[in-house]
Protein backbone atom coordinates (compact mmCIF):
# COMPACT_ATOMS: atom_id res chain seq x y z
CA UNK A 1 34.15 98.97 58.75
CA UNK A 2 31.59 99.49 61.66
CA UNK A 3 33.70 102.44 63.18
CA UNK A 4 33.56 104.17 59.47
CA UNK A 5 30.11 103.77 59.36
CA UNK A 6 29.47 105.24 62.89
CA UNK A 7 31.91 108.41 61.80
CA UNK A 8 29.68 108.63 58.45
CA UNK A 9 26.55 108.88 60.96
CA UNK A 10 27.79 111.27 63.36
CA UNK A 11 29.30 113.77 60.50
CA UNK A 12 26.11 113.75 58.56
CA UNK A 13 24.22 114.03 62.00
CA UNK A 14 26.11 117.14 62.94
CA UNK A 15 25.66 118.73 59.64
CA UNK A 16 21.99 117.89 59.55
CA UNK A 17 21.34 119.60 62.98
CA UNK A 18 23.37 122.64 62.45
CA UNK A 19 21.60 122.96 59.05
CA UNK A 20 18.19 122.97 60.49
CA UNK A 21 18.45 126.05 62.53
CA UNK A 22 20.24 127.98 59.43
CA UNK A 23 17.10 126.56 57.17
CA UNK A 24 14.44 127.44 59.79
CA UNK A 25 16.07 131.40 60.33
CA UNK A 26 15.89 131.72 56.70
CA UNK A 27 12.41 130.31 56.10
CA UNK A 28 11.16 132.36 59.03
CA UNK A 29 13.44 135.58 59.31
CA UNK A 30 14.54 135.66 55.66
CA UNK A 31 17.89 135.94 56.76
CA UNK A 32 21.22 134.04 55.42
CA UNK A 33 22.93 133.87 58.65
CA UNK A 34 26.56 133.88 57.27
CA UNK A 35 27.30 134.32 60.94
CA UNK A 36 26.41 130.88 61.77
CA UNK A 37 29.57 129.72 61.56
CA UNK A 38 30.99 131.92 64.00
CA UNK A 39 28.11 130.69 66.35
CA UNK A 40 29.87 127.01 66.27
CA UNK A 41 33.08 128.89 67.21
CA UNK A 42 31.57 130.46 70.18
CA UNK A 43 30.33 127.33 71.46
CA UNK A 44 33.35 125.54 70.94
CA UNK A 45 35.47 128.11 72.98
CA UNK A 46 32.38 128.55 75.57
CA UNK A 47 32.65 124.59 75.86
CA UNK A 48 36.18 124.56 76.13
CA UNK A 49 36.18 126.84 79.31
CA UNK A 50 33.43 124.98 80.96
CA UNK A 51 35.61 121.86 80.08
CA UNK A 52 39.16 123.03 80.84
CA UNK A 53 38.75 126.01 83.08
CA UNK A 54 36.07 124.93 85.31
CA UNK A 55 36.70 121.24 84.87
CA UNK A 56 33.25 120.17 83.61
CA UNK A 57 32.56 117.14 81.96
CA UNK A 58 32.23 117.22 78.31
CA UNK A 59 28.36 116.53 78.39
CA UNK A 60 27.93 119.31 80.92
CA UNK A 61 30.14 121.69 79.07
CA UNK A 62 27.95 121.07 75.89
CA UNK A 63 24.69 121.86 77.49
CA UNK A 64 26.18 125.07 78.97
CA UNK A 65 27.56 125.96 75.20
CA UNK A 66 24.05 125.21 74.00
CA UNK A 67 22.37 127.62 76.36
CA UNK A 68 24.94 130.35 76.00
CA UNK A 69 24.97 130.50 72.34
CA UNK A 70 21.20 130.03 72.06
CA UNK A 71 21.30 133.24 74.26
CA UNK A 72 24.11 134.88 72.02
CA UNK A 73 21.72 134.51 68.99
CA UNK A 74 18.82 135.49 70.51
CA UNK A 75 20.54 138.53 71.95
CA UNK A 76 22.05 139.27 68.78
CA UNK A 77 18.50 138.99 66.96
CA UNK A 78 16.63 141.40 69.41
CA UNK A 79 19.71 143.98 69.38
CA UNK A 80 20.71 144.20 65.88
CA UNK A 81 18.55 141.98 63.32
CA UNK A 82 15.10 142.86 64.31
CA UNK A 83 15.68 146.58 64.12
CA UNK A 84 17.21 146.29 60.76
CA UNK A 85 14.45 144.16 59.64
CA UNK A 86 13.14 145.15 56.25
CA UNK A 87 16.35 146.01 54.70
CA UNK A 88 16.04 143.41 52.04
CA UNK A 89 17.74 139.99 51.81
CA UNK A 90 21.19 141.13 50.00
CA UNK A 91 21.48 144.02 52.88
CA UNK A 92 20.56 141.68 55.76
CA UNK A 93 23.22 138.92 54.37
CA UNK A 94 26.02 141.38 53.91
CA UNK A 95 25.28 142.54 57.65
CA UNK A 96 25.43 139.09 58.98
CA UNK A 97 28.71 138.51 56.96
CA UNK A 98 30.33 141.74 58.96
CA UNK A 99 28.81 140.36 62.08
CA UNK A 100 30.40 137.00 61.44
CA UNK A 101 33.77 138.66 61.12
CA UNK A 102 33.47 140.45 64.10
CA UNK A 103 32.57 137.59 66.35
CA UNK A 104 35.84 135.66 64.80
CA UNK A 105 37.79 138.67 65.49
CA UNK A 106 36.85 138.72 68.77
CA UNK A 107 37.64 135.18 69.54
CA UNK A 108 41.00 135.34 68.20
CA UNK A 109 41.57 138.31 70.57
CA UNK A 110 40.11 136.99 73.57
CA UNK A 111 41.15 133.08 73.13
CA UNK A 112 44.39 133.93 70.81
CA UNK A 113 45.09 132.09 67.58
CA UNK A 114 46.61 128.79 69.30
CA UNK A 115 45.18 125.34 68.69
CA UNK A 116 43.12 124.14 71.52
CA UNK A 117 41.86 120.69 72.64
CA UNK A 118 39.28 119.36 75.30
CA UNK A 119 40.57 117.94 78.59
CA UNK A 120 39.81 114.21 77.05
CA UNK A 121 42.52 111.78 76.51
CA UNK A 122 42.24 111.71 72.66
CA UNK A 123 44.55 108.33 72.95
CA UNK A 124 41.80 106.62 75.19
CA UNK A 125 39.79 104.21 73.43
CA UNK A 126 36.39 103.00 74.12
CA UNK A 127 36.67 99.26 72.93
CA UNK A 128 32.68 98.00 72.38
CA UNK A 129 33.87 94.86 70.73
CA UNK A 130 32.39 95.40 67.40
CA UNK A 131 33.86 98.88 67.41
CA UNK A 132 36.68 101.36 69.08
CA UNK A 133 35.76 104.70 69.58
CA UNK A 134 37.69 107.98 71.08
CA UNK A 135 36.06 109.74 74.09
CA UNK A 136 35.24 112.74 71.44
CA UNK A 137 33.86 110.30 68.94
CA UNK A 138 31.83 108.36 71.64
CA UNK A 139 30.24 111.54 73.26
CA UNK A 140 29.59 113.07 69.72
CA UNK A 141 27.82 109.62 68.82
CA UNK A 142 25.59 109.33 72.10
CA UNK A 143 24.69 113.00 71.81
CA UNK A 144 23.90 113.15 67.96
CA UNK A 145 21.88 109.73 68.29
CA UNK A 146 19.67 111.44 70.93
CA UNK A 147 19.34 115.03 69.51
CA UNK A 148 18.61 114.40 65.95
CA UNK A 149 15.54 112.14 66.58
CA UNK A 150 14.60 114.55 69.01
CA UNK A 151 14.31 117.51 66.81
CA UNK A 152 12.62 115.62 64.15
CA UNK A 153 9.98 114.51 66.91
CA UNK A 154 10.19 118.31 67.76
CA UNK A 155 9.15 119.69 64.52
CA UNK A 156 6.39 117.00 64.07
CA UNK A 157 4.64 116.73 67.15
CA UNK A 158 4.83 119.70 69.24
CA UNK A 159 2.68 122.83 68.78
CA UNK A 160 5.80 125.13 68.77
CA UNK A 161 7.55 122.84 66.15
CA UNK A 162 4.27 122.79 63.74
CA UNK A 163 4.23 126.61 64.13
CA UNK A 164 7.57 126.90 62.93
CA UNK A 165 7.43 124.98 59.93
CA UNK A 166 3.88 126.62 59.11
CA UNK A 167 5.82 130.27 59.54
CA UNK A 168 8.44 128.96 57.62
CA UNK A 169 6.16 127.47 54.65
CA UNK A 170 3.86 130.44 54.64
CA UNK A 171 4.54 133.25 57.00
CA UNK A 172 1.75 135.25 55.79
CA UNK A 173 -0.89 132.42 55.83
CA UNK A 174 0.50 131.36 59.36
CA UNK A 175 -0.01 135.09 60.90
CA UNK A 176 -3.62 135.03 59.29
CA UNK A 177 -4.27 131.69 61.19
CA UNK A 178 -3.16 133.16 64.25
CA UNK A 179 0.41 132.24 64.90
CA UNK A 180 2.52 134.99 66.71
CA UNK A 181 5.07 135.35 64.09
CA UNK A 182 7.65 137.44 66.05
CA UNK A 183 7.49 135.26 68.88
CA UNK A 184 8.11 132.07 66.58
CA UNK A 185 10.85 133.96 65.32
CA UNK A 186 12.37 134.61 68.70
CA UNK A 187 12.11 130.88 69.38
CA UNK A 188 13.66 129.88 66.27
CA UNK A 189 16.76 131.95 66.89
CA UNK A 190 16.87 130.56 70.11
CA UNK A 191 17.16 126.70 68.31
CA UNK A 192 19.25 127.49 65.81
CA UNK A 193 21.92 129.28 68.45
CA UNK A 194 21.38 125.99 70.62
CA UNK A 195 21.89 123.81 67.62
CA UNK A 196 25.18 125.81 66.77
CA UNK A 197 26.30 125.27 70.23
CA UNK A 198 25.61 121.49 70.19
CA UNK A 199 27.60 121.56 66.61
CA UNK A 200 30.49 123.40 67.77
CA UNK A 201 31.10 121.68 70.71
CA UNK A 202 30.79 118.25 68.95
CA UNK A 203 32.70 119.27 65.80
CA UNK A 204 35.91 120.43 68.27
CA UNK A 205 35.71 117.09 70.13
CA UNK A 206 35.48 114.78 67.22
CA UNK A 207 38.29 116.67 65.18
CA UNK A 208 40.35 116.39 68.40
CA UNK A 209 41.73 119.78 68.17
CA UNK A 210 40.35 123.46 67.14
CA UNK A 211 41.15 126.90 66.50
CA UNK A 212 39.01 130.09 65.78
CA UNK A 213 38.64 128.94 62.47
CA UNK A 214 36.37 126.33 63.15
CA UNK A 215 33.00 127.64 62.30
CA UNK A 216 34.24 129.19 59.27
CA UNK A 217 35.61 125.87 58.04
CA UNK A 218 32.13 124.22 58.28
CA UNK A 219 29.86 127.45 57.33
CA UNK A 220 29.69 126.39 53.64
CA UNK A 221 28.81 122.72 54.30
CA UNK A 222 26.38 124.03 56.29
CA UNK A 223 24.83 126.23 53.59
CA UNK A 224 25.32 123.27 51.10
CA UNK A 225 22.86 121.40 53.53
CA UNK A 226 20.36 124.07 53.74
CA UNK A 227 19.95 124.53 49.72
CA UNK A 228 20.25 120.59 49.40
CA UNK A 229 17.60 119.97 51.64
CA UNK A 230 15.51 123.23 50.22
CA UNK A 231 15.63 126.48 51.59
CA UNK A 232 13.49 126.66 54.41
CA UNK A 233 12.71 123.00 54.98
CA UNK A 234 13.92 121.81 58.22
CA UNK A 235 13.25 118.30 57.26
CA UNK A 236 15.19 118.78 54.16
CA UNK A 237 18.25 119.98 56.12
CA UNK A 238 18.01 116.83 58.06
CA UNK A 239 17.88 114.53 55.26
CA UNK A 240 20.42 116.71 53.29
CA UNK A 241 22.83 116.79 56.19
CA UNK A 242 23.00 112.95 56.68
CA UNK A 243 23.61 112.46 52.66
CA UNK A 244 26.06 115.25 52.45
CA UNK A 245 27.76 113.46 55.57
CA UNK A 246 27.67 110.17 54.21
CA UNK A 247 29.01 111.12 50.84
CA UNK A 248 31.71 113.30 52.05
CA UNK A 249 32.93 110.67 54.39
CA UNK A 250 32.52 107.68 52.21
CA UNK A 251 34.44 109.32 49.56
CA UNK A 252 37.65 108.77 51.76
CA UNK A 253 36.92 105.00 52.42
CA UNK A 254 39.55 103.10 51.30
CA UNK A 255 37.31 100.46 50.09
CA UNK A 256 36.04 102.55 47.38
CA UNK A 257 39.09 102.47 44.77
CA UNK A 258 41.65 103.75 47.54
CA UNK A 259 39.45 106.70 48.23
CA UNK A 260 40.05 110.33 47.78
CA UNK A 261 42.40 112.59 49.95
CA UNK A 262 40.38 114.43 52.93
CA UNK A 263 41.18 117.85 51.59
CA UNK A 264 38.92 117.49 48.59
CA UNK A 265 36.01 116.43 50.65
CA UNK A 266 34.61 120.03 50.28
CA UNK A 267 35.06 119.75 46.47
CA UNK A 268 32.67 116.33 46.56
CA UNK A 269 30.04 118.44 48.52
CA UNK A 270 29.78 121.30 46.17
CA UNK A 271 29.73 118.55 43.16
CA UNK A 272 26.81 116.81 44.91
CA UNK A 273 25.20 120.51 45.11
CA UNK A 274 25.86 121.20 41.57
CA UNK A 275 24.18 117.97 40.50
CA UNK A 276 21.43 117.87 42.71
CA UNK A 277 20.26 121.19 41.29
CA UNK A 278 20.73 120.54 38.08
CA UNK A 279 17.96 117.48 38.59
CA UNK A 280 15.86 119.21 41.11
CA UNK A 281 16.44 123.05 41.56
CA UNK A 282 14.54 123.32 44.46
CA UNK A 283 16.13 120.90 46.73
CA UNK A 284 15.25 118.08 48.03
CA UNK A 285 12.04 118.95 50.13
CA UNK A 286 11.84 122.49 48.81
CA UNK A 287 8.74 123.48 46.68
CA UNK A 288 8.73 124.45 43.00
CA UNK A 289 7.81 128.17 42.67
CA UNK A 290 6.57 130.23 39.31
CA UNK A 291 7.92 133.67 39.79
């Protein structure tokens, strides 16, 4: 029972953290980044290289993947997305779709389609009396338990975090108030990439095995989190990711009428999205707007 509850918390926290970055990017840059899932895939393979080829610990590999994925997102912003800014939401979204396909194909070409896993013994068990965890679950629980509240505090307490929320809420008003919108945009891409890097390594570690389709498999769950929370709202993404993760994992719990098969979890996610939007179209933390 306790192990299942911890698994619920880990899944929800990972969706929440990856959703925060995607939500801030849309709120500040007005880009629905459909390549966000491939950032997770890139991070998972960077972590694999550090963990397996260079024999680094999973924690060190996670930090390295976060750094390199953040730099990748920032580089793509300056090299491609910033010069094309102003082309319109639909055009920019299509560009990110093509970018995502390109990144996934590059991973396939470089790493191959083989199923991979980190250099951790998936059969090992940490017995904490009340709960038994695999190494991947233990690391994911530790990391997300530290990072999730850290991101919330960063957005709430720091000047940079407040500036990000201000630009996401009203870009023009923030610019008039003296906020350097372009600089904040660069920081947001760096943050979004780093959180995607964290999510990629943690999803791979929790699953045990992964392949180049890792990011594609969770991409629409991430965007469901963004829409559920209210597009552009980082706190909404944190709350919605937690709620969505709980709903999906609880659906397979045998204590609830035997539970659903795991393959139906995405169906449940979209059912939750539809029901919420029917009652609250702007999402949990979004603001209703009259056009």
